[in-house]
PDB file of N, CA and C in Angstrom:
ATOM      1  N   MET A   1     295.775  -2.432 187.590  1.00  0.00           N
ATOM      2  CA  MET A   1     294.442  -2.389 187.328  1.00  0.00           C
ATOM      3  C   MET A   1     293.950  -0.274 187.476  1.00  0.00           C
ATOM      4  N   LEU A   2     293.976  -0.221 188.883  1.00  0.00           N
ATOM      5  CA  LEU A   2     293.821   0.747 189.476  1.00  0.00           C
ATOM      6  C   LEU A   2     295.293   1.703 189.657  1.00  0.00           C
ATOM      7  N   ASN A   3     295.442   3.708 189.373  1.00  0.00           N
ATOM      8  CA  ASN A   3     295.922   4.073 189.445  1.00  0.00           C
ATOM      9  C   ASN A   3     295.593   5.331 190.162  1.00  0.00           C
ATOM     10  N   ILE A   4     295.761   5.562 192.040  1.00  0.00           N
ATOM     11  CA  ILE A   4     296.021   6.702 192.512  1.00  0.00           C
ATOM     12  C   ILE A   4     297.245   7.325 192.598  1.00  0.00           C
ATOM     13  N   ASP A   5     296.464   9.034 192.495  1.00  0.00           N
ATOM     14  CA  ASP A   5     297.758   9.347 192.755  1.00  0.00           C
ATOM     15  C   ASP A   5     297.393  10.552 193.554  1.00  0.00           C
ATOM     16  N   ILE A   6     297.795  10.466 194.936  1.00  0.00           N
ATOM     17  CA  ILE A   6     298.139  11.049 195.605  1.00  0.00           C
ATOM     18  C   ILE A   6     298.218  12.720 195.911  1.00  0.00           C
ATOM     19  N   ARG A   7     299.160  12.611 195.223  1.00  0.00           N
ATOM     20  CA  ARG A   7     299.376  13.975 194.775  1.00  0.00           C
ATOM     21  C   ARG A   7     298.800  15.159 194.160  1.00  0.00           C
ATOM     22  N   SER A   8     297.311  14.443 193.371  1.00  0.00           N
ATOM     23  CA  SER A   8     296.480  15.272 192.121  1.00  0.00           C
ATOM     24  C   SER A   8     295.941  15.622 193.510  1.00  0.00           C
ATOM     25  N   ARG A   9     295.181  16.900 192.398  1.00  0.00           N
ATOM     26  CA  ARG A   9     294.122  17.935 192.756  1.00  0.00           C
ATOM     27  C   ARG A   9     293.114  17.275 192.727  1.00  0.00           C
ATOM     28  N   VAL A  10     292.579  16.227 192.119  1.00  0.00           N
ATOM     29  CA  VAL A  10     291.540  15.725 191.534  1.00  0.00           C
ATOM     30  C   VAL A  10     291.126  14.806 193.277  1.00  0.00           C
ATOM     31  N   PRO A  11     290.008  14.658 193.771  1.00  0.00           N
ATOM     32  CA  PRO A  11     290.006  14.076 195.040  1.00  0.00           C
ATOM     33  C   PRO A  11     290.252  12.270 194.436  1.00  0.00           C
ATOM     34  N   ILE A  12     290.721  11.280 195.256  1.00  0.00           N
ATOM     35  CA  ILE A  12     290.743  10.151 195.218  1.00  0.00           C
ATOM     36  C   ILE A  12     289.562   9.741 194.982  1.00  0.00           C
ATOM     37  N   TYR A  13     288.271   9.889 195.310  1.00  0.00           N
ATOM     38  CA  TYR A  13     287.022   8.684 194.908  1.00  0.00           C
ATOM     39  C   TYR A  13     286.644   9.359 193.261  1.00  0.00           C
ATOM     40  N   GLU A  14     287.384  10.504 192.822  1.00  0.00           N
ATOM     41  CA  GLU A  14     286.429  10.829 191.879  1.00  0.00           C
ATOM     42  C   GLU A  14     287.454  10.207 190.338  1.00  0.00           C
ATOM     43  N   GLN A  15     288.766  10.054 191.361  1.00  0.00           N
ATOM     44  CA  GLN A  15     289.828   9.862 190.089  1.00  0.00           C
ATOM     45  C   GLN A  15     289.583   7.896 190.006  1.00  0.00           C
ATOM     46  N   LEU A  16     288.796   7.321 191.051  1.00  0.00           N
ATOM     47  CA  LEU A  16     289.106   6.553 191.614  1.00  0.00           C
ATOM     48  C   LEU A  16     287.377   6.444 190.291  1.00  0.00           C
ATOM     49  N   MET A  17     286.158   7.224 190.381  1.00  0.00           N
ATOM     50  CA  MET A  17     285.172   6.570 189.652  1.00  0.00           C
ATOM     51  C   MET A  17     285.233   7.014 188.507  1.00  0.00           C
ATOM     52  N   ASN A  18     286.486   7.991 188.041  1.00  0.00           N
ATOM     53  CA  ASN A  18     286.969   8.208 186.394  1.00  0.00           C
ATOM     54  C   ASN A  18     287.497   7.004 185.829  1.00  0.00           C
ATOM     55  N   GLN A  19     288.388   6.516 186.707  1.00  0.00           N
ATOM     56  CA  GLN A  19     288.891   5.454 186.179  1.00  0.00           C
ATOM     57  C   GLN A  19     288.610   3.869 186.171  1.00  0.00           C
ATOM     58  N   LEU A  20     287.352   3.310 186.934  1.00  0.00           N
ATOM     59  CA  LEU A  20     286.321   2.814 186.771  1.00  0.00           C
ATOM     60  C   LEU A  20     284.941   2.969 185.445  1.00  0.00           C
ATOM     61  N   LYS A  21     284.741   4.215 185.373  1.00  0.00           N
ATOM     62  CA  LYS A  21     283.839   4.393 184.543  1.00  0.00           C
ATOM     63  C   LYS A  21     284.603   4.404 183.183  1.00  0.00           C
ATOM     64  N   SER A  22     286.094   4.426 183.075  1.00  0.00           N
ATOM     65  CA  SER A  22     286.636   3.771 181.756  1.00  0.00           C
ATOM     66  C   SER A  22     286.605   2.821 181.334  1.00  0.00           C
ATOM     67  N   MET A  23     287.021   2.248 182.390  1.00  0.00           N
ATOM     68  CA  MET A  23     286.942   0.832 182.323  1.00  0.00           C
ATOM     69  C   MET A  23     285.630  -0.123 182.048  1.00  0.00           C
ATOM     70  N   ILE A  24     284.360   0.976 182.430  1.00  0.00           N
ATOM     71  CA  ILE A  24     282.846  -0.119 181.823  1.00  0.00           C
ATOM     72  C   ILE A  24     283.028   0.330 180.847  1.00  0.00           C
ATOM     73  N   ILE A  25     283.342   1.931 180.376  1.00  0.00           N
ATOM     74  CA  ILE A  25     283.019   2.341 178.939  1.00  0.00           C
ATOM     75  C   ILE A  25     283.317   1.290 177.615  1.00  0.00           C
ATOM     76  N   HIS A  26     284.910   0.982 178.125  1.00  0.00           N
ATOM     77  CA  HIS A  26     285.774   0.083 177.034  1.00  0.00           C
ATOM     78  C   HIS A  26     285.510  -0.964 177.089  1.00  0.00           C
ATOM     79  N   GLU A  27     284.642  -1.789 177.810  1.00  0.00           N
ATOM     80  CA  GLU A  27     284.440  -2.564 177.794  1.00  0.00           C
ATOM     81  C   GLU A  27     286.511  -3.876 178.687  1.00  0.00           C
ATOM     82  N   VAL A  28     286.568  -2.910 179.803  1.00  0.00           N
ATOM     83  CA  VAL A  28     287.827  -3.845 180.717  1.00  0.00           C
ATOM     84  C   VAL A  28     286.949  -4.581 181.247  1.00  0.00           C
ATOM     85  N   ILE A  29     285.452  -4.018 182.033  1.00  0.00           N
ATOM     86  CA  ILE A  29     285.467  -4.662 182.584  1.00  0.00           C
ATOM     87  C   ILE A  29     283.451  -5.154 182.430  1.00  0.00           C
ATOM     88  N   ALA A  30     283.393  -6.023 182.317  1.00  0.00           N
ATOM     89  CA  ALA A  30     282.099  -6.984 181.219  1.00  0.00           C
ATOM     90  C   ALA A  30     280.710  -6.505 182.033  1.00  0.00           C
ATOM     91  N   ALA A  31     279.308  -6.654 181.649  1.00  0.00           N
ATOM     92  CA  ALA A  31     278.117  -6.572 182.185  1.00  0.00           C
ATOM     93  C   ALA A  31     278.588  -7.320 183.086  1.00  0.00           C
ATOM     94  N   ASP A  32     277.826  -7.084 184.062  1.00  0.00           N
ATOM     95  CA  ASP A  32     277.259  -7.678 185.275  1.00  0.00           C
ATOM     96  C   ASP A  32     278.625  -8.209 185.801  1.00  0.00           C
ATOM     97  N   GLU A  33     279.563  -7.816 185.622  1.00  0.00           N
ATOM     98  CA  GLU A  33     280.912  -8.694 186.639  1.00  0.00           C
ATOM     99  C   GLU A  33     281.052  -7.956 187.546  1.00  0.00           C
ATOM    100  N   GLN A  34     281.403  -8.540 188.963  1.00  0.00           N
ATOM    101  CA  GLN A  34     281.598  -8.466 190.088  1.00  0.00           C
ATOM    102  C   GLN A  34     282.776  -7.677 190.072  1.00  0.00           C
ATOM    103  N   LEU A  35     282.361  -5.803 190.713  1.00  0.00           N
ATOM    104  CA  LEU A  35     283.827  -5.100 190.861  1.00  0.00           C
ATOM    105  C   LEU A  35     284.348  -5.896 192.639  1.00  0.00           C
ATOM    106  N   PRO A  36     285.254  -5.492 192.619  1.00  0.00           N
ATOM    107  CA  PRO A  36     286.380  -5.790 194.040  1.00  0.00           C
ATOM    108  C   PRO A  36     285.615  -5.260 195.279  1.00  0.00           C
ATOM    109  N   SER A  37     285.155  -6.272 196.306  1.00  0.00           N
ATOM    110  CA  SER A  37     285.137  -5.634 197.341  1.00  0.00           C
ATOM    111  C   SER A  37     285.535  -4.176 198.102  1.00  0.00           C
ATOM    112  N   VAL A  38     285.265  -3.393 198.806  1.00  0.00           N
ATOM    113  CA  VAL A  38     285.335  -2.310 199.471  1.00  0.00           C
ATOM    114  C   VAL A  38     286.783  -2.713 200.369  1.00  0.00           C
ATOM    115  N   ARG A  39     286.702  -3.708 201.006  1.00  0.00           N
ATOM    116  CA  ARG A  39     287.727  -3.723 202.021  1.00  0.00           C
ATOM    117  C   ARG A  39     288.960  -4.744 200.678  1.00  0.00           C
ATOM    118  N   ASN A  40     288.663  -5.438 200.384  1.00  0.00           N
ATOM    119  CA  ASN A  40     290.234  -5.777 198.938  1.00  0.00           C
ATOM    120  C   ASN A  40     290.275  -4.709 198.251  1.00  0.00           C
ATOM    121  N   LEU A  41     289.019  -3.614 198.375  1.00  0.00           N
ATOM    122  CA  LEU A  41     289.931  -2.222 197.224  1.00  0.00           C
ATOM    123  C   LEU A  41     290.732  -1.382 197.944  1.00  0.00           C
ATOM    124  N   ALA A  42     290.336  -1.447 199.072  1.00  0.00           N
ATOM    125  CA  ALA A  42     291.061  -0.309 200.135  1.00  0.00           C
ATOM    126  C   ALA A  42     292.407  -1.294 200.776  1.00  0.00           C
ATOM    127  N   GLN A  43     292.576  -2.162 200.515  1.00  0.00           N
ATOM    128  CA  GLN A  43     294.420  -2.720 201.016  1.00  0.00           C
ATOM    129  C   GLN A  43     294.809  -2.315 199.630  1.00  0.00           C
ATOM    130  N   GLU A  44     294.155  -2.720 198.983  1.00  0.00           N
ATOM    131  CA  GLU A  44     295.335  -3.192 197.416  1.00  0.00           C
ATOM    132  C   GLU A  44     295.745  -1.034 197.193  1.00  0.00           C
ATOM    133  N   LEU A  45     294.819  -0.702 197.247  1.00  0.00           N
ATOM    134  CA  LEU A  45     294.931   0.854 196.885  1.00  0.00           C
ATOM    135  C   LEU A  45     295.582   1.863 198.153  1.00  0.00           C
ATOM    136  N   THR A  46     295.622   0.992 199.095  1.00  0.00           N
ATOM    137  CA  THR A  46     295.434   1.228 200.419  1.00  0.00           C
ATOM    138  C   THR A  46     295.080   3.086 200.579  1.00  0.00           C
ATOM    139  N   ILE A  47     294.028   2.938 200.762  1.00  0.00           N
ATOM    140  CA  ILE A  47     293.030   3.902 201.033  1.00  0.00           C
ATOM    141  C   ILE A  47     291.981   4.088 201.692  1.00  0.00           C
ATOM    142  N   ASN A  48     291.167   4.931 202.159  1.00  0.00           N
ATOM    143  CA  ASN A  48     290.365   4.568 203.532  1.00  0.00           C
ATOM    144  C   ASN A  48     289.075   4.142 202.553  1.00  0.00           C
ATOM    145  N   PRO A  49     288.444   3.556 203.031  1.00  0.00           N
ATOM    146  CA  PRO A  49     287.358   2.497 202.962  1.00  0.00           C
ATOM    147  C   PRO A  49     285.874   3.401 202.595  1.00  0.00           C
ATOM    148  N   ASN A  50     285.897   4.448 203.384  1.00  0.00           N
ATOM    149  CA  ASN A  50     285.417   5.099 203.193  1.00  0.00           C
ATOM    150  C   ASN A  50     285.479   5.779 201.471  1.00  0.00           C
ATOM    151  N   THR A  51     286.285   6.351 201.485  1.00  0.00           N
ATOM    152  CA  THR A  51     286.773   7.003 199.593  1.00  0.00           C
ATOM    153  C   THR A  51     285.743   5.893 199.226  1.00  0.00           C
ATOM    154  N   ILE A  52     286.111   4.387 199.024  1.00  0.00           N
ATOM    155  CA  ILE A  52     285.711   3.919 198.130  1.00  0.00           C
ATOM    156  C   ILE A  52     284.661   3.214 197.723  1.00  0.00           C
ATOM    157  N   GLN A  53     283.529   3.044 199.180  1.00  0.00           N
ATOM    158  CA  GLN A  53     282.301   3.182 199.376  1.00  0.00           C
ATOM    159  C   GLN A  53     281.740   4.787 198.464  1.00  0.00           C
ATOM    160  N   LYS A  54     282.274   6.357 199.341  1.00  0.00           N
ATOM    161  CA  LYS A  54     281.607   7.030 197.909  1.00  0.00           C
ATOM    162  C   LYS A  54     282.022   7.016 196.916  1.00  0.00           C
ATOM    163  N   ALA A  55     282.779   6.611 196.242  1.00  0.00           N
ATOM    164  CA  ALA A  55     282.949   6.503 194.377  1.00  0.00           C
ATOM    165  C   ALA A  55     281.832   5.443 194.083  1.00  0.00           C
ATOM    166  N   TYR A  56     281.801   4.368 194.659  1.00  0.00           N
ATOM    167  CA  TYR A  56     280.515   2.817 194.268  1.00  0.00           C
ATOM    168  C   TYR A  56     279.500   3.642 194.516  1.00  0.00           C
ATOM    169  N   ARG A  57     278.874   5.023 195.293  1.00  0.00           N
ATOM    170  CA  ARG A  57     277.665   5.093 196.260  1.00  0.00           C
ATOM    171  C   ARG A  57     276.776   5.836 194.858  1.00  0.00           C
ATOM    172  N   GLU A  58     278.529   6.763 194.306  1.00  0.00           N
ATOM    173  CA  GLU A  58     278.418   7.805 193.279  1.00  0.00           C
ATOM    174  C   GLU A  58     278.259   7.017 191.742  1.00  0.00           C
ATOM    175  N   LEU A  59     278.828   5.812 191.424  1.00  0.00           N
ATOM    176  CA  LEU A  59     278.496   5.209 190.118  1.00  0.00           C
ATOM    177  C   LEU A  59     277.418   4.626 190.549  1.00  0.00           C
ATOM    178  N   GLU A  60     276.518   4.113 191.241  1.00  0.00           N
ATOM    179  CA  GLU A  60     275.376   3.408 191.459  1.00  0.00           C
ATOM    180  C   GLU A  60     274.457   4.680 190.983  1.00  0.00           C
ATOM    181  N   ARG A  61     274.126   5.437 191.731  1.00  0.00           N
ATOM    182  CA  ARG A  61     273.331   6.625 191.239  1.00  0.00           C
ATOM    183  C   ARG A  61     273.821   7.125 190.101  1.00  0.00           C
ATOM    184  N   GLU A  62     274.515   7.304 189.293  1.00  0.00           N
ATOM    185  CA  GLU A  62     274.784   7.490 188.253  1.00  0.00           C
ATOM    186  C   GLU A  62     274.845   6.350 186.954  1.00  0.00           C
ATOM    187  N   GLY A  63     274.357   4.922 187.598  1.00  0.00           N
ATOM    188  CA  GLY A  63     273.680   4.093 187.070  1.00  0.00           C
ATOM    189  C   GLY A  63     275.061   2.935 186.241  1.00  0.00           C
ATOM    190  N   TYR A  64     276.251   3.079 186.715  1.00  0.00           N
ATOM    191  CA  TYR A  64     277.441   2.550 186.314  1.00  0.00           C
ATOM    192  C   TYR A  64     277.373   0.832 186.762  1.00  0.00           C
ATOM    193  N   ILE A  65     277.201   0.871 187.907  1.00  0.00           N
ATOM    194  CA  ILE A  65     276.916  -0.067 188.832  1.00  0.00           C
ATOM    195  C   ILE A  65     275.744  -0.429 189.438  1.00  0.00           C
ATOM    196  N   TYR A  66     274.970  -1.603 189.949  1.00  0.00           N
ATOM    197  CA  TYR A  66     274.386  -1.915 190.554  1.00  0.00           C
ATOM    198  C   TYR A  66     274.793  -2.791 191.456  1.00  0.00           C
ATOM    199  N   SER A  67     273.826  -3.224 193.146  1.00  0.00           N
ATOM    200  CA  SER A  67     274.577  -3.305 194.325  1.00  0.00           C
ATOM    201  C   SER A  67     273.445  -4.645 194.454  1.00  0.00           C
ATOM    202  N   ILE A  68     274.191  -5.561 194.881  1.00  0.00           N
ATOM    203  CA  ILE A  68     272.822  -6.502 195.748  1.00  0.00           C
ATOM    204  C   ILE A  68     273.135  -7.033 196.982  1.00  0.00           C
ATOM    205  N   PRO A  69     272.597  -6.681 198.077  1.00  0.00           N
ATOM    206  CA  PRO A  69     272.759  -6.784 198.976  1.00  0.00           C
ATOM    207  C   PRO A  69     272.995  -8.290 199.336  1.00  0.00           C
ATOM    208  N   GLY A  70     274.176  -8.160 200.712  1.00  0.00           N
ATOM    209  CA  GLY A  70     275.095  -9.180 200.388  1.00  0.00           C
ATOM    210  C   GLY A  70     276.278 -10.053 199.489  1.00  0.00           C
ATOM    211  N   ARG A  71     275.957  -9.830 198.431  1.00  0.00           N
ATOM    212  CA  ARG A  71     277.179 -10.691 197.496  1.00  0.00           C
ATOM    213  C   ARG A  71     277.481  -9.303 196.594  1.00  0.00           C
ATOM    214  N   GLY A  72     277.520  -7.827 196.785  1.00  0.00           N
ATOM    215  CA  GLY A  72     278.732  -6.984 196.177  1.00  0.00           C
ATOM    216  C   GLY A  72     277.915  -5.994 195.776  1.00  0.00           C
ATOM    217  N   ARG A  73     278.807  -5.355 194.498  1.00  0.00           N
ATOM    218  CA  ARG A  73     278.586  -4.932 193.308  1.00  0.00           C
ATOM    219  C   ARG A  73     278.953  -4.957 192.195  1.00  0.00           C
ATOM    220  N   PHE A  74     278.393  -5.101 190.875  1.00  0.00           N
ATOM    221  CA  PHE A  74     278.395  -5.148 189.784  1.00  0.00           C
ATOM    222  C   PHE A  74     278.016  -4.434 188.141  1.00  0.00           C
ATOM    223  N   VAL A  75     278.754  -4.206 188.044  1.00  0.00           N
ATOM    224  CA  VAL A  75     279.074  -3.335 186.573  1.00  0.00           C
ATOM    225  C   VAL A  75     277.571  -3.480 185.839  1.00  0.00           C
ATOM    226  N   SER A  76     275.789  -2.741 185.555  1.00  0.00           N
ATOM    227  CA  SER A  76     275.101  -2.500 184.839  1.00  0.00           C
ATOM    228  C   SER A  76     275.814  -2.544 183.397  1.00  0.00           C
ATOM    229  N   PRO A  77     274.358  -3.101 182.793  1.00  0.00           N
ATOM    230  CA  PRO A  77     274.766  -3.839 181.807  1.00  0.00           C
ATOM    231  C   PRO A  77     274.172  -2.281 180.905  1.00  0.00           C
ATOM    232  N   GLN A  78     274.929  -2.147 179.729  1.00  0.00           N
ATOM    233  CA  GLN A  78     274.063  -0.849 179.096  1.00  0.00           C
ATOM    234  C   GLN A  78     272.881  -1.429 178.078  1.00  0.00           C
ATOM    235  N   THR A  79     271.640  -0.258 178.921  1.00  0.00           N
ATOM    236  CA  THR A  79     270.549   0.074 178.460  1.00  0.00           C
ATOM    237  C   THR A  79     270.192   1.636 178.609  1.00  0.00           C
ATOM    238  N   HIS A  80     270.119   1.845 177.365  1.00  0.00           N
ATOM    239  CA  HIS A  80     269.876   3.346 176.504  1.00  0.00           C
ATOM    240  C   HIS A  80     269.057   3.727 177.454  1.00  0.00           C
ATOM    241  N   HIS A  81     267.610   3.032 177.767  1.00  0.00           N
ATOM    242  CA  HIS A  81     266.417   3.700 178.449  1.00  0.00           C
ATOM    243  C   HIS A  81     266.796   4.704 179.293  1.00  0.00           C
ATOM    244  N   GLN A  82     268.072   3.542 180.637  1.00  0.00           N
ATOM    245  CA  GLN A  82     268.312   3.835 182.000  1.00  0.00           C
ATOM    246  C   GLN A  82     269.170   4.794 182.141  1.00  0.00           C
ATOM    247  N   ASN A  83     269.983   5.033 180.821  1.00  0.00           N
ATOM    248  CA  ASN A  83     270.937   6.371 180.704  1.00  0.00           C
ATOM    249  C   ASN A  83     270.058   7.444 180.231  1.00  0.00           C
ATOM    250  N   LYS A  84     269.214   7.362 179.801  1.00  0.00           N
ATOM    251  CA  LYS A  84     268.761   9.493 179.331  1.00  0.00           C
ATOM    252  C   LYS A  84     269.204  10.063 180.245  1.00  0.00           C
ATOM    253  N   GLU A  85     268.629  10.397 181.169  1.00  0.00           N
ATOM    254  CA  GLU A  85     268.862  11.241 182.376  1.00  0.00           C
ATOM    255  C   GLU A  85     270.459  11.989 182.317  1.00  0.00           C
ATOM    256  N   ARG A  86     271.058  11.194 182.514  1.00  0.00           N
ATOM    257  CA  ARG A  86     272.445  11.709 182.257  1.00  0.00           C
ATOM    258  C   ARG A  86     272.875  11.485 180.677  1.00  0.00           C
ATOM    259  N   LEU A  87     272.590  11.279 179.836  1.00  0.00           N
ATOM    260  CA  LEU A  87     272.782  11.570 178.348  1.00  0.00           C
ATOM    261  C   LEU A  87     272.013  13.221 178.329  1.00  0.00           C
ATOM    262  N   THR A  88     271.024  13.337 179.268  1.00  0.00           N
ATOM    263  CA  THR A  88     270.681  14.789 178.747  1.00  0.00           C
ATOM    264  C   THR A  88     271.563  15.599 179.500  1.00  0.00           C
ATOM    265  N   MET A  89     272.329  15.485 180.514  1.00  0.00           N
ATOM    266  CA  MET A  89     273.325  15.599 181.153  1.00  0.00           C
ATOM    267  C   MET A  89     274.584  16.576 181.165  1.00  0.00           C
ATOM    268  N   LEU A  90     274.589  14.776 180.076  1.00  0.00           N
ATOM    269  CA  LEU A  90     276.160  15.085 179.323  1.00  0.00           C
ATOM    270  C   LEU A  90     275.774  16.492 178.193  1.00  0.00           C
ATOM    271  N   THR A  91     275.008  15.993 177.230  1.00  0.00           N
ATOM    272  CA  THR A  91     274.941  16.636 176.163  1.00  0.00           C
ATOM    273  C   THR A  91     274.220  17.991 176.617  1.00  0.00           C
ATOM    274  N   GLU A  92     274.011  18.812 177.424  1.00  0.00           N
ATOM    275  CA  GLU A  92     273.468  20.252 177.868  1.00  0.00           C
ATOM    276  C   GLU A  92     275.570  20.480 178.307  1.00  0.00           C
ATOM    277  N   GLU A  93     275.786  19.777 179.099  1.00  0.00           N
ATOM    278  CA  GLU A  93     277.863  20.081 178.791  1.00  0.00           C
ATOM    279  C   GLU A  93     278.486  20.455 177.721  1.00  0.00           C
ATOM    280  N   ILE A  94     278.027  19.575 177.286  1.00  0.00           N
ATOM    281  CA  ILE A  94     279.072  19.225 176.075  1.00  0.00           C
ATOM    282  C   ILE A  94     278.522  20.787 174.963  1.00  0.00           C
ATOM    283  N   GLU A  95     277.069  20.603 174.980  1.00  0.00           N
ATOM    284  CA  GLU A  95     276.577  22.129 174.530  1.00  0.00           C
ATOM    285  C   GLU A  95     277.072  23.575 174.776  1.00  0.00           C
ATOM    286  N   THR A  96     277.667  23.410 176.061  1.00  0.00           N
ATOM    287  CA  THR A  96     278.278  24.692 177.033  1.00  0.00           C
ATOM    288  C   THR A  96     279.046  24.600 176.325  1.00  0.00           C
ATOM    289  N   MET A  97     280.394  23.342 176.611  1.00  0.00           N
ATOM    290  CA  MET A  97     281.825  23.578 176.022  1.00  0.00           C
ATOM    291  C   MET A  97     281.908  23.930 175.016  1.00  0.00           C
ATOM    292  N   ILE A  98     281.089  23.098 173.734  1.00  0.00           N
ATOM    293  CA  ILE A  98     281.197  23.758 172.115  1.00  0.00           C
ATOM    294  C   ILE A  98     281.313  24.783 171.970  1.00  0.00           C
ATOM    295  N   SER A  99     280.380  25.699 172.496  1.00  0.00           N
ATOM    296  CA  SER A  99     280.110  27.264 172.597  1.00  0.00           C
ATOM    297  C   SER A  99     281.009  27.903 173.328  1.00  0.00           C
ATOM    298  N   GLU A 100     281.395  28.014 173.694  1.00  0.00           N
ATOM    299  CA  GLU A 100     282.411  28.481 174.625  1.00  0.00           C
ATOM    300  C   GLU A 100     283.967  27.792 174.469  1.00  0.00           C
ATOM    301  N   TYR A 101     284.342  26.957 173.309  1.00  0.00           N
ATOM    302  CA  TYR A 101     285.047  26.505 172.660  1.00  0.00           C
ATOM    303  C   TYR A 101     285.474  27.487 171.687  1.00  0.00           C
ATOM    304  N   LEU A 102     283.937  27.600 170.865  1.00  0.00           N
ATOM    305  CA  LEU A 102     283.817  28.225 169.629  1.00  0.00           C
ATOM    306  C   LEU A 102     284.036  29.905 169.878  1.00  0.00           C
ATOM    307  N   TYR A 103     284.187  30.246 170.774  1.00  0.00           N
ATOM    308  CA  TYR A 103     283.702  31.867 171.394  1.00  0.00           C
ATOM    309  C   TYR A 103     285.587  31.827 171.397  1.00  0.00           C
ATOM    310  N   LEU A 104     285.957  31.048 172.286  1.00  0.00           N
ATOM    311  CA  LEU A 104     287.013  31.201 172.010  1.00  0.00           C
ATOM    312  C   LEU A 104     288.501  31.296 170.867  1.00  0.00           C
ATOM    313  N   GLY A 105     287.334  30.810 169.608  1.00  0.00           N
ATOM    314  CA  GLY A 105     288.327  30.846 168.442  1.00  0.00           C
ATOM    315  C   GLY A 105     288.659  29.412 168.046  1.00  0.00           C
ATOM    316  N   GLY A 106     288.073  28.945 168.543  1.00  0.00           N
ATOM    317  CA  GLY A 106     288.131  27.257 168.042  1.00  0.00           C
ATOM    318  C   GLY A 106     287.184  27.460 166.722  1.00  0.00           C
ATOM    319  N   THR A 107     287.511  26.023 166.727  1.00  0.00           N
ATOM    320  CA  THR A 107     286.619  25.530 165.177  1.00  0.00           C
ATOM    321  C   THR A 107     285.716  24.572 164.632  1.00  0.00           C
ATOM    322  N   LYS A 108     284.762  24.533 163.929  1.00  0.00           N
ATOM    323  CA  LYS A 108     283.946  23.500 163.629  1.00  0.00           C
ATOM    324  C   LYS A 108     284.391  22.149 162.968  1.00  0.00           C
ATOM    325  N   ASP A 109     285.662  22.622 162.301  1.00  0.00           N
ATOM    326  CA  ASP A 109     285.845  21.454 161.880  1.00  0.00           C
ATOM    327  C   ASP A 109     287.508  20.770 162.830  1.00  0.00           C
ATOM    328  N   ASN A 110     287.765  21.891 164.040  1.00  0.00           N
ATOM    329  CA  ASN A 110     288.964  21.229 164.789  1.00  0.00           C
ATOM    330  C   ASN A 110     287.937  20.481 165.557  1.00  0.00           C
ATOM    331  N   ILE A 111     286.374  20.651 165.836  1.00  0.00           N
ATOM    332  CA  ILE A 111     285.715  19.589 166.606  1.00  0.00           C
ATOM    333  C   ILE A 111     285.270  18.049 166.246  1.00  0.00           C
ATOM    334  N   LEU A 112     284.885  18.461 164.769  1.00  0.00           N
ATOM    335  CA  LEU A 112     284.681  17.319 164.077  1.00  0.00           C
ATOM    336  C   LEU A 112     285.853  16.416 163.846  1.00  0.00           C
ATOM    337  N   ALA A 113     286.971  16.810 163.562  1.00  0.00           N
ATOM    338  CA  ALA A 113     288.263  16.613 163.765  1.00  0.00           C
ATOM    339  C   ALA A 113     289.115  15.749 165.549  1.00  0.00           C
ATOM    340  N   MET A 114     288.251  15.796 166.231  1.00  0.00           N
ATOM    341  CA  MET A 114     288.199  15.419 167.221  1.00  0.00           C
ATOM    342  C   MET A 114     287.333  14.147 167.434  1.00  0.00           C
ATOM    343  N   LEU A 115     286.185  14.134 166.529  1.00  0.00           N
ATOM    344  CA  LEU A 115     285.222  13.438 167.038  1.00  0.00           C
ATOM    345  C   LEU A 115     285.751  12.280 166.573  1.00  0.00           C
ATOM    346  N   HIS A 116     286.119  12.643 164.899  1.00  0.00           N
ATOM    347  CA  HIS A 116     286.537  11.457 164.054  1.00  0.00           C
ATOM    348  C   HIS A 116     288.233  10.964 164.955  1.00  0.00           C
ATOM    349  N   THR A 117     289.225  11.565 165.334  1.00  0.00           N
ATOM    350  CA  THR A 117     289.755  10.508 166.030  1.00  0.00           C
ATOM    351  C   THR A 117     289.652   9.971 166.844  1.00  0.00           C
ATOM    352  N   LYS A 118     288.446  10.352 168.058  1.00  0.00           N
ATOM    353  CA  LYS A 118     287.404   9.802 169.030  1.00  0.00           C
ATOM    354  C   LYS A 118     287.039   8.574 168.719  1.00  0.00           C
ATOM    355  N   ASP A 119     286.426   8.398 167.760  1.00  0.00           N
ATOM    356  CA  ASP A 119     285.958   7.645 167.218  1.00  0.00           C
ATOM    357  C   ASP A 119     286.715   6.365 166.579  1.00  0.00           C
ATOM    358  N   GLU A 120     288.301   7.209 165.808  1.00  0.00           N
ATOM    359  CA  GLU A 120     288.859   6.279 165.304  1.00  0.00           C
ATOM    360  C   GLU A 120     289.703   5.146 166.562  1.00  0.00           C
ATOM    361  N   ALA A 121     289.818   5.428 167.843  1.00  0.00           N
ATOM    362  CA  ALA A 121     290.624   5.381 169.034  1.00  0.00           C
ATOM    363  C   ALA A 121     289.401   3.850 169.640  1.00  0.00           C
ATOM    364  N   ASP A 122     288.279   4.702 169.588  1.00  0.00           N
ATOM    365  CA  ASP A 122     287.693   4.219 170.678  1.00  0.00           C
ATOM    366  C   ASP A 122     286.520   2.293 168.901  1.00  0.00           C
ATOM    367  N   GLN A 123     287.337   2.423 167.933  1.00  0.00           N
ATOM    368  CA  GLN A 123     287.114   1.549 166.982  1.00  0.00           C
ATOM    369  C   GLN A 123     288.845   0.710 167.200  1.00  0.00           C
ATOM    370  N   GLY A 124     289.965   1.370 167.497  1.00  0.00           N
ATOM    371  CA  GLY A 124     291.043   0.252 167.576  1.00  0.00           C
ATOM    372  C   GLY A 124     291.560   0.955 166.069  1.00  0.00           C
ATOM    373  N   GLY A 125     291.127   1.637 165.494  1.00  0.00           N
ATOM    374  CA  GLY A 125     291.897   2.043 164.192  1.00  0.00           C
ATOM    375  C   GLY A 125     290.933   1.752 162.513  1.00  0.00           C
ATOM    376  N   GLU A 126     290.246   0.799 163.246  1.00  0.00           N
ATOM    377  CA  GLU A 126     289.559   0.517 162.104  1.00  0.00           C
ATOM    378  C   GLU A 126     288.682   1.060 161.268  1.00  0.00           C
ATOM    379  N   GLN A 127     288.799   1.312 160.372  1.00  0.00           N
ATOM    380  CA  GLN A 127     287.770   1.940 159.496  1.00  0.00           C
ATOM    381  C   GLN A 127     286.513   0.925 159.089  1.00  0.00           C
ATOM    382  N   SER A 128     285.562   1.708 159.489  1.00  0.00           N
ATOM    383  CA  SER A 128     284.056   0.628 158.829  1.00  0.00           C
ATOM    384  C   SER A 128     283.574   0.798 157.438  1.00  0.00           C
TER     385      SER A 128
END
C-alpha cells in the first residue's frame, strides 16, 4: 500500500502525505473511508508514530482528511467549496511554474500536450 524510502531526501512525513494524497485523488481510498490508526501504520511501516501524526495533521489541515475523536481519521468527501483556498494556492503555484517553464524555453504546445496526456492517464486511456 504505502512505500517509504528512508534514503530519499524527501522527508518521510512528506512521502507519506504525497502517497496518501495520490490514493485519495485517484479514489483508491474512498470518501469517508477510515485511515489506519497512527499506531498500526507506525508498526506496519516501522517509522516513528510522531511522523505519521505530522502527516495526518497536515492532510487534515489541507482538507484531505478529517478526524472524529475516539474513532479515527477518515477521507474527506470531495467538495469544491472546501478546497477553494487550496485551489487558489495551487493556481498561483501553477502560474509561477508555467511562467518559468516558458522563460526557460518550453512551449505552450508542450504544456497542452502534458495536460492532454495527464487527462488521458486519469481517464484510463479512454476518450470522451
